[in-house]
Amino acid sequence: MGLETEPLFQAWSYFRRRKFRQCSELCSQLLEGAPGEQAAWSLKTRALTEMVYVDEIEMDQEGIAEMMLDENAIAQVARKDNFLLSMLRPGVQAVFCQFFF
């Protein structure tokens, strides 16, 4: 018995080591001999999918500058010279500010 590994096991080993191209090529060779081999089809499709996988988290990350310079940001704290306060009479405005600010 030689040191040669079973081809499907070798393809699985390539997949586990993230060598997706070698895995896909070996599965293609297996499928030429036995086109109905479901394990080889499954492993090949997984390898092909992993080769084109795009990490969406990396695409969604914003830098600190983009977050700080966002023009659509809403103020976290209300200003004391609020528009609604300016519509109140000065006496009511003073009482309102005592309770809420």
PDB file of N, CA and C in Angstrom:
ATOM      1  N   MET A   1       0.842  -1.174   0.000  1.00  0.00           N
ATOM      2  CA  MET A   1       0.000   0.000   0.000  1.00  0.00           C
ATOM      3  C   MET A   1       0.886   1.235   0.000  1.00  0.00           C
ATOM      4  N   GLY A   2       0.661   2.124  -0.968  1.00  0.00           N
ATOM      5  CA  GLY A   2       1.493   3.310  -1.118  1.00  0.00           C
ATOM      6  C   GLY A   2       0.998   4.478  -0.277  1.00  0.00           C
ATOM      7  N   LEU A   3       1.698   5.576  -0.392  1.00  0.00           N
ATOM      8  CA  LEU A   3       1.349   6.782   0.346  1.00  0.00           C
ATOM      9  C   LEU A   3       0.322   7.635  -0.390  1.00  0.00           C
ATOM     10  N   GLU A   4      -0.125   7.171  -1.539  1.00  0.00           N
ATOM     11  CA  GLU A   4      -1.078   7.949  -2.332  1.00  0.00           C
ATOM     12  C   GLU A   4      -2.430   7.997  -1.614  1.00  0.00           C
ATOM     13  N   THR A   5      -2.990   9.179  -1.532  1.00  0.00           N
ATOM     14  CA  THR A   5      -4.259   9.386  -0.841  1.00  0.00           C
ATOM     15  C   THR A   5      -5.412   9.228  -1.816  1.00  0.00           C
ATOM     16  N   GLU A   6      -6.545   8.814  -1.312  1.00  0.00           N
ATOM     17  CA  GLU A   6      -7.742   8.723  -2.142  1.00  0.00           C
ATOM     18  C   GLU A   6      -8.052  10.122  -2.696  1.00  0.00           C
ATOM     19  N   PRO A   7      -8.384  10.236  -3.992  1.00  0.00           N
ATOM     20  CA  PRO A   7      -8.558  11.556  -4.610  1.00  0.00           C
ATOM     21  C   PRO A   7      -9.621  12.437  -3.942  1.00  0.00           C
ATOM     22  N   LEU A   8     -10.734  11.863  -3.536  1.00  0.00           N
ATOM     23  CA  LEU A   8     -11.769  12.675  -2.900  1.00  0.00           C
ATOM     24  C   LEU A   8     -11.295  13.191  -1.539  1.00  0.00           C
ATOM     25  N   PHE A   9     -10.566  12.365  -0.807  1.00  0.00           N
ATOM     26  CA  PHE A   9     -10.012  12.803   0.469  1.00  0.00           C
ATOM     27  C   PHE A   9      -8.968  13.894   0.254  1.00  0.00           C
ATOM     28  N   GLN A  10      -8.177  13.754  -0.817  1.00  0.00           N
ATOM     29  CA  GLN A  10      -7.170  14.772  -1.143  1.00  0.00           C
ATOM     30  C   GLN A  10      -7.849  16.093  -1.497  1.00  0.00           C
ATOM     31  N   ALA A  11      -8.947  16.024  -2.250  1.00  0.00           N
ATOM     32  CA  ALA A  11      -9.689  17.241  -2.601  1.00  0.00           C
ATOM     33  C   ALA A  11     -10.251  17.900  -1.346  1.00  0.00           C
ATOM     34  N   TRP A  12     -10.779  17.085  -0.431  1.00  0.00           N
ATOM     35  CA  TRP A  12     -11.291  17.623   0.832  1.00  0.00           C
ATOM     36  C   TRP A  12     -10.168  18.287   1.638  1.00  0.00           C
ATOM     37  N   SER A  13      -8.986  17.693   1.593  1.00  0.00           N
ATOM     38  CA  SER A  13      -7.835  18.269   2.282  1.00  0.00           C
ATOM     39  C   SER A  13      -7.467  19.626   1.686  1.00  0.00           C
ATOM     40  N   TYR A  14      -7.482  19.721   0.355  1.00  0.00           N
ATOM     41  CA  TYR A  14      -7.237  21.012  -0.299  1.00  0.00           C
ATOM     42  C   TYR A  14      -8.272  22.045   0.143  1.00  0.00           C
ATOM     43  N   PHE A  15      -9.519  21.627   0.203  1.00  0.00           N
ATOM     44  CA  PHE A  15     -10.590  22.545   0.594  1.00  0.00           C
ATOM     45  C   PHE A  15     -10.366  23.050   2.017  1.00  0.00           C
ATOM     46  N   ARG A  16     -10.031  22.157   2.919  1.00  0.00           N
ATOM     47  CA  ARG A  16      -9.826  22.540   4.323  1.00  0.00           C
ATOM     48  C   ARG A  16      -8.636  23.474   4.484  1.00  0.00           C
ATOM     49  N   ARG A  17      -7.656  23.354   3.588  1.00  0.00           N
ATOM     50  CA  ARG A  17      -6.481  24.229   3.644  1.00  0.00           C
ATOM     51  C   ARG A  17      -6.658  25.478   2.788  1.00  0.00           C
ATOM     52  N   ARG A  18      -7.889  25.721   2.336  1.00  0.00           N
ATOM     53  CA  ARG A  18      -8.270  26.894   1.548  1.00  0.00           C
ATOM     54  C   ARG A  18      -7.529  26.966   0.209  1.00  0.00           C
ATOM     55  N   LYS A  19      -7.210  25.819  -0.361  1.00  0.00           N
ATOM     56  CA  LYS A  19      -6.620  25.735  -1.702  1.00  0.00           C
ATOM     57  C   LYS A  19      -7.745  25.342  -2.647  1.00  0.00           C
ATOM     58  N   PHE A  20      -8.624  26.299  -2.898  1.00  0.00           N
ATOM     59  CA  PHE A  20      -9.871  26.015  -3.598  1.00  0.00           C
ATOM     60  C   PHE A  20      -9.658  25.655  -5.067  1.00  0.00           C
ATOM     61  N   ARG A  21      -8.673  26.256  -5.718  1.00  0.00           N
ATOM     62  CA  ARG A  21      -8.436  25.948  -7.131  1.00  0.00           C
ATOM     63  C   ARG A  21      -7.998  24.493  -7.302  1.00  0.00           C
ATOM     64  N   GLN A  22      -7.062  24.040  -6.471  1.00  0.00           N
ATOM     65  CA  GLN A  22      -6.619  22.645  -6.558  1.00  0.00           C
ATOM     66  C   GLN A  22      -7.769  21.691  -6.239  1.00  0.00           C
ATOM     67  N   CYS A  23      -8.585  22.059  -5.271  1.00  0.00           N
ATOM     68  CA  CYS A  23      -9.736  21.231  -4.906  1.00  0.00           C
ATOM     69  C   CYS A  23     -10.696  21.103  -6.084  1.00  0.00           C
ATOM     70  N   SER A  24     -10.991  22.226  -6.724  1.00  0.00           N
ATOM     71  CA  SER A  24     -11.913  22.212  -7.862  1.00  0.00           C
ATOM     72  C   SER A  24     -11.357  21.395  -9.026  1.00  0.00           C
ATOM     73  N   GLU A  25     -10.067  21.549  -9.290  1.00  0.00           N
ATOM     74  CA  GLU A  25      -9.455  20.802 -10.395  1.00  0.00           C
ATOM     75  C   GLU A  25      -9.469  19.297 -10.125  1.00  0.00           C
ATOM     76  N   LEU A  26      -9.172  18.909  -8.902  1.00  0.00           N
ATOM     77  CA  LEU A  26      -9.176  17.487  -8.565  1.00  0.00           C
ATOM     78  C   LEU A  26     -10.587  16.913  -8.634  1.00  0.00           C
ATOM     79  N   CYS A  27     -11.571  17.686  -8.189  1.00  0.00           N
ATOM     80  CA  CYS A  27     -12.962  17.228  -8.289  1.00  0.00           C
ATOM     81  C   CYS A  27     -13.384  17.090  -9.751  1.00  0.00           C
ATOM     82  N   SER A  28     -12.918  18.007 -10.609  1.00  0.00           N
ATOM     83  CA  SER A  28     -13.231  17.905 -12.040  1.00  0.00           C
ATOM     84  C   SER A  28     -12.660  16.621 -12.626  1.00  0.00           C
ATOM     85  N   GLN A  29     -11.445  16.262 -12.223  1.00  0.00           N
ATOM     86  CA  GLN A  29     -10.848  15.016 -12.701  1.00  0.00           C
ATOM     87  C   GLN A  29     -11.655  13.810 -12.221  1.00  0.00           C
ATOM     88  N   LEU A  30     -12.113  13.863 -10.978  1.00  0.00           N
ATOM     89  CA  LEU A  30     -12.938  12.768 -10.456  1.00  0.00           C
ATOM     90  C   LEU A  30     -14.250  12.657 -11.222  1.00  0.00           C
ATOM     91  N   LEU A  31     -14.835  13.802 -11.562  1.00  0.00           N
ATOM     92  CA  LEU A  31     -16.133  13.798 -12.235  1.00  0.00           C
ATOM     93  C   LEU A  31     -16.041  13.360 -13.693  1.00  0.00           C
ATOM     94  N   GLU A  32     -14.852  13.450 -14.299  1.00  0.00           N
ATOM     95  CA  GLU A  32     -14.693  12.931 -15.660  1.00  0.00           C
ATOM     96  C   GLU A  32     -14.877  11.414 -15.669  1.00  0.00           C
ATOM     97  N   GLY A  33     -14.409  10.756 -14.626  1.00  0.00           N
ATOM     98  CA  GLY A  33     -14.530   9.298 -14.538  1.00  0.00           C
ATOM     99  C   GLY A  33     -15.879   8.843 -14.011  1.00  0.00           C
ATOM    100  N   ALA A  34     -16.439   9.600 -13.093  1.00  0.00           N
ATOM    101  CA  ALA A  34     -17.724   9.226 -12.481  1.00  0.00           C
ATOM    102  C   ALA A  34     -18.594  10.483 -12.365  1.00  0.00           C
ATOM    103  N   PRO A  35     -19.333  10.817 -13.436  1.00  0.00           N
ATOM    104  CA  PRO A  35     -20.105  12.068 -13.438  1.00  0.00           C
ATOM    105  C   PRO A  35     -21.229  12.124 -12.402  1.00  0.00           C
ATOM    106  N   GLY A  36     -21.626  11.004 -11.857  1.00  0.00           N
ATOM    107  CA  GLY A  36     -22.715  10.997 -10.888  1.00  0.00           C
ATOM    108  C   GLY A  36     -22.253  11.060  -9.436  1.00  0.00           C
ATOM    109  N   GLU A  37     -20.993  11.277  -9.206  1.00  0.00           N
ATOM    110  CA  GLU A  37     -20.448  11.305  -7.842  1.00  0.00           C
ATOM    111  C   GLU A  37     -20.904  12.571  -7.115  1.00  0.00           C
ATOM    112  N   GLN A  38     -21.886  12.410  -6.228  1.00  0.00           N
ATOM    113  CA  GLN A  38     -22.481  13.568  -5.556  1.00  0.00           C
ATOM    114  C   GLN A  38     -21.508  14.263  -4.613  1.00  0.00           C
ATOM    115  N   ALA A  39     -20.667  13.522  -3.950  1.00  0.00           N
ATOM    116  CA  ALA A  39     -19.712  14.133  -3.020  1.00  0.00           C
ATOM    117  C   ALA A  39     -18.738  15.036  -3.768  1.00  0.00           C
ATOM    118  N   ALA A  40     -18.294  14.596  -4.941  1.00  0.00           N
ATOM    119  CA  ALA A  40     -17.372  15.410  -5.731  1.00  0.00           C
ATOM    120  C   ALA A  40     -18.067  16.668  -6.246  1.00  0.00           C
ATOM    121  N   TRP A  41     -19.325  16.525  -6.691  1.00  0.00           N
ATOM    122  CA  TRP A  41     -20.082  17.698  -7.147  1.00  0.00           C
ATOM    123  C   TRP A  41     -20.252  18.703  -6.011  1.00  0.00           C
ATOM    124  N   SER A  42     -20.626  18.211  -4.856  1.00  0.00           N
ATOM    125  CA  SER A  42     -20.850  19.086  -3.708  1.00  0.00           C
ATOM    126  C   SER A  42     -19.573  19.817  -3.308  1.00  0.00           C
ATOM    127  N   LEU A  43     -18.475  19.085  -3.238  1.00  0.00           N
ATOM    128  CA  LEU A  43     -17.208  19.695  -2.850  1.00  0.00           C
ATOM    129  C   LEU A  43     -16.734  20.697  -3.896  1.00  0.00           C
ATOM    130  N   LYS A  44     -16.935  20.366  -5.175  1.00  0.00           N
ATOM    131  CA  LYS A  44     -16.517  21.282  -6.236  1.00  0.00           C
ATOM    132  C   LYS A  44     -17.323  22.579  -6.188  1.00  0.00           C
ATOM    133  N   THR A  45     -18.635  22.480  -5.987  1.00  0.00           N
ATOM    134  CA  THR A  45     -19.448  23.702  -5.934  1.00  0.00           C
ATOM    135  C   THR A  45     -19.082  24.547  -4.717  1.00  0.00           C
ATOM    136  N   ARG A  46     -18.781  23.904  -3.598  1.00  0.00           N
ATOM    137  CA  ARG A  46     -18.359  24.670  -2.417  1.00  0.00           C
ATOM    138  C   ARG A  46     -17.030  25.369  -2.665  1.00  0.00           C
ATOM    139  N   ALA A  47     -16.108  24.692  -3.336  1.00  0.00           N
ATOM    140  CA  ALA A  47     -14.803  25.295  -3.628  1.00  0.00           C
ATOM    141  C   ALA A  47     -14.957  26.472  -4.586  1.00  0.00           C
ATOM    142  N   LEU A  48     -15.789  26.302  -5.617  1.00  0.00           N
ATOM    143  CA  LEU A  48     -16.004  27.399  -6.563  1.00  0.00           C
ATOM    144  C   LEU A  48     -16.677  28.585  -5.887  1.00  0.00           C
ATOM    145  N   THR A  49     -17.596  28.309  -4.983  1.00  0.00           N
ATOM    146  CA  THR A  49     -18.265  29.386  -4.259  1.00  0.00           C
ATOM    147  C   THR A  49     -17.281  30.136  -3.373  1.00  0.00           C
ATOM    148  N   GLU A  50     -16.419  29.425  -2.698  1.00  0.00           N
ATOM    149  CA  GLU A  50     -15.434  30.071  -1.827  1.00  0.00           C
ATOM    150  C   GLU A  50     -14.429  30.896  -2.623  1.00  0.00           C
ATOM    151  N   MET A  51     -14.161  30.511  -3.876  1.00  0.00           N
ATOM    152  CA  MET A  51     -13.205  31.270  -4.683  1.00  0.00           C
ATOM    153  C   MET A  51     -13.739  32.652  -5.026  1.00  0.00           C
ATOM    154  N   VAL A  52     -15.051  32.815  -5.121  1.00  0.00           N
ATOM    155  CA  VAL A  52     -15.625  34.111  -5.493  1.00  0.00           C
ATOM    156  C   VAL A  52     -16.318  34.787  -4.315  1.00  0.00           C
ATOM    157  N   TYR A  53     -16.122  34.286  -3.115  1.00  0.00           N
ATOM    158  CA  TYR A  53     -16.774  34.830  -1.926  1.00  0.00           C
ATOM    159  C   TYR A  53     -16.252  36.234  -1.639  1.00  0.00           C
ATOM    160  N   VAL A  54     -17.173  37.153  -1.378  1.00  0.00           N
ATOM    161  CA  VAL A  54     -16.819  38.523  -1.023  1.00  0.00           C
ATOM    162  C   VAL A  54     -17.289  38.761   0.404  1.00  0.00           C
ATOM    163  N   ASP A  55     -16.392  39.198   1.226  1.00  0.00           N
ATOM    164  CA  ASP A  55     -16.745  39.466   2.618  1.00  0.00           C
ATOM    165  C   ASP A  55     -17.481  40.794   2.686  1.00  0.00           C
ATOM    166  N   GLU A  56     -18.782  40.745   2.964  1.00  0.00           N
ATOM    167  CA  GLU A  56     -19.603  41.945   2.975  1.00  0.00           C
ATOM    168  C   GLU A  56     -19.284  42.849   4.156  1.00  0.00           C
ATOM    169  N   ILE A  57     -18.756  42.298   5.202  1.00  0.00           N
ATOM    170  CA  ILE A  57     -18.420  43.123   6.364  1.00  0.00           C
ATOM    171  C   ILE A  57     -17.329  44.114   6.004  1.00  0.00           C
ATOM    172  N   GLU A  58     -16.342  43.678   5.227  1.00  0.00           N
ATOM    173  CA  GLU A  58     -15.271  44.583   4.834  1.00  0.00           C
ATOM    174  C   GLU A  58     -15.800  45.707   3.956  1.00  0.00           C
ATOM    175  N   MET A  59     -16.799  45.426   3.149  1.00  0.00           N
ATOM    176  CA  MET A  59     -17.340  46.452   2.271  1.00  0.00           C
ATOM    177  C   MET A  59     -18.174  47.468   3.043  1.00  0.00           C
ATOM    178  N   ASP A  60     -18.793  47.052   4.151  1.00  0.00           N
ATOM    179  CA  ASP A  60     -19.670  47.929   4.911  1.00  0.00           C
ATOM    180  C   ASP A  60     -18.941  48.790   5.926  1.00  0.00           C
ATOM    181  N   GLN A  61     -17.711  48.483   6.206  1.00  0.00           N
ATOM    182  CA  GLN A  61     -17.000  49.233   7.231  1.00  0.00           C
ATOM    183  C   GLN A  61     -16.701  50.643   6.747  1.00  0.00           C
ATOM    184  N   GLU A  62     -17.014  51.610   7.601  1.00  0.00           N
ATOM    185  CA  GLU A  62     -16.708  52.999   7.304  1.00  0.00           C
ATOM    186  C   GLU A  62     -15.509  53.411   8.139  1.00  0.00           C
ATOM    187  N   GLY A  63     -14.743  54.299   7.585  1.00  0.00           N
ATOM    188  CA  GLY A  63     -13.636  54.833   8.350  1.00  0.00           C
ATOM    189  C   GLY A  63     -14.117  55.876   9.343  1.00  0.00           C
ATOM    190  N   ILE A  64     -13.231  56.254  10.243  1.00  0.00           N
ATOM    191  CA  ILE A  64     -13.591  57.255  11.245  1.00  0.00           C
ATOM    192  C   ILE A  64     -13.907  58.583  10.574  1.00  0.00           C
ATOM    193  N   ALA A  65     -13.167  58.929   9.541  1.00  0.00           N
ATOM    194  CA  ALA A  65     -13.409  60.202   8.861  1.00  0.00           C
ATOM    195  C   ALA A  65     -14.802  60.248   8.250  1.00  0.00           C
ATOM    196  N   GLU A  66     -15.255  59.156   7.646  1.00  0.00           N
ATOM    197  CA  GLU A  66     -16.587  59.138   7.048  1.00  0.00           C
ATOM    198  C   GLU A  66     -17.668  59.287   8.108  1.00  0.00           C
ATOM    199  N   MET A  67     -17.456  58.670   9.265  1.00  0.00           N
ATOM    200  CA  MET A  67     -18.457  58.779  10.329  1.00  0.00           C
ATOM    201  C   MET A  67     -18.492  60.187  10.906  1.00  0.00           C
ATOM    202  N   MET A  68     -17.333  60.810  11.064  1.00  0.00           N
ATOM    203  CA  MET A  68     -17.279  62.141  11.665  1.00  0.00           C
ATOM    204  C   MET A  68     -17.769  63.211  10.699  1.00  0.00           C
ATOM    205  N   LEU A  69     -17.561  63.002   9.421  1.00  0.00           N
ATOM    206  CA  LEU A  69     -17.922  64.009   8.427  1.00  0.00           C
ATOM    207  C   LEU A  69     -19.256  63.726   7.757  1.00  0.00           C
ATOM    208  N   ASP A  70     -20.033  62.843   8.322  1.00  0.00           N
ATOM    209  CA  ASP A  70     -21.322  62.503   7.736  1.00  0.00           C
ATOM    210  C   ASP A  70     -22.242  63.711   7.779  1.00  0.00           C
ATOM    211  N   GLU A  71     -22.697  64.153   6.625  1.00  0.00           N
ATOM    212  CA  GLU A  71     -23.549  65.337   6.548  1.00  0.00           C
ATOM    213  C   GLU A  71     -24.962  65.052   7.023  1.00  0.00           C
ATOM    214  N   ASN A  72     -25.345  63.806   7.054  1.00  0.00           N
ATOM    215  CA  ASN A  72     -26.705  63.453   7.442  1.00  0.00           C
ATOM    216  C   ASN A  72     -26.821  63.094   8.917  1.00  0.00           C
ATOM    217  N   ALA A  73     -25.782  63.340   9.688  1.00  0.00           N
ATOM    218  CA  ALA A  73     -25.797  62.968  11.101  1.00  0.00           C
ATOM    219  C   ALA A  73     -26.770  63.848  11.875  1.00  0.00           C
ATOM    220  N   ILE A  74     -27.419  63.259  12.852  1.00  0.00           N
ATOM    221  CA  ILE A  74     -28.357  63.979  13.705  1.00  0.00           C
ATOM    222  C   ILE A  74     -27.625  64.351  14.982  1.00  0.00           C
ATOM    223  N   ALA A  75     -27.867  65.562  15.458  1.00  0.00           N
ATOM    224  CA  ALA A  75     -27.218  66.018  16.684  1.00  0.00           C
ATOM    225  C   ALA A  75     -27.619  65.118  17.845  1.00  0.00           C
ATOM    226  N   GLN A  76     -26.654  64.759  18.659  1.00  0.00           N
ATOM    227  CA  GLN A  76     -26.911  63.878  19.787  1.00  0.00           C
ATOM    228  C   GLN A  76     -27.489  64.627  20.989  1.00  0.00           C
ATOM    229  N   VAL A  77     -27.203  65.923  21.103  1.00  0.00           N
ATOM    230  CA  VAL A  77     -27.665  66.724  22.233  1.00  0.00           C
ATOM    231  C   VAL A  77     -28.395  67.943  21.688  1.00  0.00           C
ATOM    232  N   ALA A  78     -29.527  68.258  22.280  1.00  0.00           N
ATOM    233  CA  ALA A  78     -30.289  69.426  21.841  1.00  0.00           C
ATOM    234  C   ALA A  78     -29.569  70.703  22.257  1.00  0.00           C
ATOM    235  N   ARG A  79     -29.651  71.701  21.398  1.00  0.00           N
ATOM    236  CA  ARG A  79     -29.061  72.994  21.725  1.00  0.00           C
ATOM    237  C   ARG A  79     -30.028  73.784  22.597  1.00  0.00           C
ATOM    238  N   LYS A  80     -29.497  74.666  23.424  1.00  0.00           N
ATOM    239  CA  LYS A  80     -30.359  75.465  24.290  1.00  0.00           C
ATOM    240  C   LYS A  80     -31.134  76.501  23.494  1.00  0.00           C
ATOM    241  N   ASP A  81     -30.618  76.971  22.393  1.00  0.00           N
ATOM    242  CA  ASP A  81     -31.327  77.964  21.580  1.00  0.00           C
ATOM    243  C   ASP A  81     -32.174  77.259  20.519  1.00  0.00           C
ATOM    244  N   ASN A  82     -32.961  76.335  20.970  1.00  0.00           N
ATOM    245  CA  ASN A  82     -33.807  75.533  20.108  1.00  0.00           C
ATOM    246  C   ASN A  82     -34.874  76.404  19.457  1.00  0.00           C
ATOM    247  N   PHE A  83     -35.277  76.063  18.265  1.00  0.00           N
ATOM    248  CA  PHE A  83     -36.295  76.812  17.530  1.00  0.00           C
ATOM    249  C   PHE A  83     -37.611  76.844  18.290  1.00  0.00           C
ATOM    250  N   LEU A  84     -37.994  75.732  18.890  1.00  0.00           N
ATOM    251  CA  LEU A  84     -39.261  75.694  19.627  1.00  0.00           C
ATOM    252  C   LEU A  84     -39.227  76.603  20.846  1.00  0.00           C
ATOM    253  N   LEU A  85     -38.079  76.692  21.496  1.00  0.00           N
ATOM    254  CA  LEU A  85     -37.967  77.586  22.645  1.00  0.00           C
ATOM    255  C   LEU A  85     -38.080  79.040  22.225  1.00  0.00           C
ATOM    256  N   SER A  86     -37.593  79.367  21.050  1.00  0.00           N
ATOM    257  CA  SER A  86     -37.660  80.755  20.596  1.00  0.00           C
ATOM    258  C   SER A  86     -39.092  81.190  20.322  1.00  0.00           C
ATOM    259  N   MET A  87     -39.993  80.247  20.151  1.00  0.00           N
ATOM    260  CA  MET A  87     -41.390  80.590  19.891  1.00  0.00           C
ATOM    261  C   MET A  87     -42.155  80.868  21.186  1.00  0.00           C
ATOM    262  N   LEU A  88     -41.613  80.486  22.337  1.00  0.00           N
ATOM    263  CA  LEU A  88     -42.281  80.714  23.613  1.00  0.00           C
ATOM    264  C   LEU A  88     -42.016  82.129  24.112  1.00  0.00           C
ATOM    265  N   ARG A  89     -42.923  82.629  24.952  1.00  0.00           N
ATOM    266  CA  ARG A  89     -42.712  83.937  25.578  1.00  0.00           C
ATOM    267  C   ARG A  89     -41.531  83.820  26.532  1.00  0.00           C
ATOM    268  N   PRO A  90     -40.828  84.904  26.769  1.00  0.00           N
ATOM    269  CA  PRO A  90     -39.625  84.843  27.612  1.00  0.00           C
ATOM    270  C   PRO A  90     -39.870  84.258  28.997  1.00  0.00           C
ATOM    271  N   GLY A  91     -40.979  84.564  29.654  1.00  0.00           N
ATOM    272  CA  GLY A  91     -41.244  84.031  30.989  1.00  0.00           C
ATOM    273  C   GLY A  91     -41.473  82.531  30.960  1.00  0.00           C
ATOM    274  N   VAL A  92     -42.247  82.065  29.994  1.00  0.00           N
ATOM    275  CA  VAL A  92     -42.517  80.628  29.854  1.00  0.00           C
ATOM    276  C   VAL A  92     -41.239  79.903  29.458  1.00  0.00           C
ATOM    277  N   GLN A  93     -40.459  80.565  28.638  1.00  0.00           N
ATOM    278  CA  GLN A  93     -39.200  79.969  28.185  1.00  0.00           C
ATOM    279  C   GLN A  93     -38.258  79.745  29.368  1.00  0.00           C
ATOM    280  N   ALA A  94     -38.204  80.683  30.294  1.00  0.00           N
ATOM    281  CA  ALA A  94     -37.328  80.557  31.459  1.00  0.00           C
ATOM    282  C   ALA A  94     -37.765  79.391  32.337  1.00  0.00           C
ATOM    283  N   VAL A  95     -39.074  79.241  32.553  1.00  0.00           N
ATOM    284  CA  VAL A  95     -39.583  78.134  33.367  1.00  0.00           C
ATOM    285  C   VAL A  95     -39.311  76.804  32.671  1.00  0.00           C
ATOM    286  N   PHE A  96     -39.545  76.771  31.392  1.00  0.00           N
ATOM    287  CA  PHE A  96     -39.325  75.555  30.603  1.00  0.00           C
ATOM    288  C   PHE A  96     -37.863  75.124  30.690  1.00  0.00           C
ATOM    289  N   CYS A  97     -36.957  76.088  30.569  1.00  0.00           N
ATOM    290  CA  CYS A  97     -35.527  75.770  30.599  1.00  0.00           C
ATOM    291  C   CYS A  97     -35.092  75.258  31.966  1.00  0.00           C
ATOM    292  N   GLN A  98     -35.732  75.754  33.033  1.00  0.00           N
ATOM    293  CA  GLN A  98     -35.381  75.280  34.371  1.00  0.00           C
ATOM    294  C   GLN A  98     -35.683  73.791  34.531  1.00  0.00           C
ATOM    295  N   PHE A  99     -36.809  73.354  33.993  1.00  0.00           N
ATOM    296  CA  PHE A  99     -37.219  71.967  34.181  1.00  0.00           C
ATOM    297  C   PHE A  99     -36.553  70.994  33.215  1.00  0.00           C
ATOM    298  N   PHE A 100     -36.298  71.445  32.008  1.00  0.00           N
ATOM    299  CA  PHE A 100     -35.839  70.501  30.984  1.00  0.00           C
ATOM    300  C   PHE A 100     -34.371  70.641  30.609  1.00  0.00           C
ATOM    301  N   PHE A 101     -33.715  71.702  31.032  1.00  0.00           N
ATOM    302  CA  PHE A 101     -32.306  71.845  30.660  1.00  0.00           C
ATOM    303  C   PHE A 101     -31.458  72.007  31.848  1.00  0.00           C
TER     304      PHE A 101
END
